[in-house]
């Protein structure tokens, strides 16, 4: 398949979007208040938004590849 982004970048973005971002958001949401981290809600929201954006890039790349394949 001919993806919109290179294979290696696709694999990395997929891992970051599907594993790292949600796990990091959960970690920050759980331990941030205990450590007195300011603006925890905003940080978690930002991490989740980045993960959703990466997911959209992955989806667009997959749709392009499917249309060409």
Protein backbone atom coordinates (compact mmCIF):
# COMPACT_ATOMS: atom_id res chain seq x y z
CA UNK A 1 0.00 0.00 0.00
CA UNK A 2 1.11 3.55 -0.72
CA UNK A 3 0.61 5.47 2.52
CA UNK A 4 0.52 9.26 2.80
CA UNK A 5 3.43 9.08 5.25
CA UNK A 6 6.48 6.77 5.16
CA UNK A 7 6.12 3.29 6.70
CA UNK A 8 8.51 3.93 9.61
CA UNK A 9 6.83 7.23 10.50
CA UNK A 10 3.43 5.53 10.24
CA UNK A 11 4.52 2.82 12.68
CA UNK A 12 5.94 5.35 15.13
CA UNK A 13 2.90 7.63 14.94
CA UNK A 14 0.58 4.66 15.37
CA UNK A 15 2.42 3.61 18.53
CA UNK A 16 2.51 7.18 19.87
CA UNK A 17 -1.16 7.83 19.07
CA UNK A 18 -2.56 4.51 20.26
CA UNK A 19 -0.28 3.63 23.18
CA UNK A 20 1.88 6.52 24.41
CA UNK A 21 -0.58 9.44 24.41
CA UNK A 22 -3.42 7.64 26.23
CA UNK A 23 -1.01 6.08 28.74
CA UNK A 24 0.73 9.41 29.37
CA UNK A 25 -2.60 11.21 29.78
CA UNK A 26 -3.74 8.61 32.31
CA UNK A 27 -0.44 8.87 34.20
CA UNK A 28 -0.53 12.67 34.34
CA UNK A 29 -4.20 12.62 35.35
CA UNK A 30 -3.53 10.14 38.15
CA UNK A 31 -0.29 11.42 39.66
CA UNK A 32 -0.37 15.08 38.65
CA UNK A 33 -2.65 16.21 41.49
CA UNK A 34 -0.70 14.16 44.03
CA UNK A 35 2.50 15.93 43.00
CA UNK A 36 0.86 19.34 42.93
CA UNK A 37 1.25 19.70 39.16
CA UNK A 38 -0.59 22.85 38.05
CA UNK A 39 -3.21 22.74 35.27
CA UNK A 40 -3.48 18.94 35.22
CA UNK A 41 -6.81 19.04 33.36
CA UNK A 42 -5.34 21.24 30.64
CA UNK A 43 -2.28 19.03 30.28
CA UNK A 44 -4.37 15.86 30.02
CA UNK A 45 -6.68 17.53 27.50
CA UNK A 46 -3.69 18.61 25.40
CA UNK A 47 -2.14 15.13 25.44
CA UNK A 48 -5.45 13.60 24.39
CA UNK A 49 -5.89 16.19 21.63
CA UNK A 50 -2.42 15.38 20.27
CA UNK A 51 -3.31 11.68 20.33
CA UNK A 52 -6.56 12.36 18.45
CA UNK A 53 -4.71 14.44 15.86
CA UNK A 54 -2.18 11.67 15.34
CA UNK A 55 -5.07 9.22 14.97
CA UNK A 56 -6.59 11.47 12.29
CA UNK A 57 -3.26 11.52 10.41
CA UNK A 58 -3.03 7.75 10.59
CA UNK A 59 -6.61 7.38 9.41
CA UNK A 60 -6.10 9.76 6.48
CA UNK A 61 -2.97 7.90 5.49
CA UNK A 62 -4.77 4.56 5.65
CA UNK A 63 -7.70 5.87 3.58
CA UNK A 64 -5.29 7.16 0.92
CA UNK A 65 -3.49 3.83 0.81
CA UNK A 66 -6.76 1.90 0.54
CA UNK A 67 -7.96 4.13 -2.28
CA UNK A 68 -4.72 3.58 -4.21
CA UNK A 69 -4.42 -0.09 -3.38
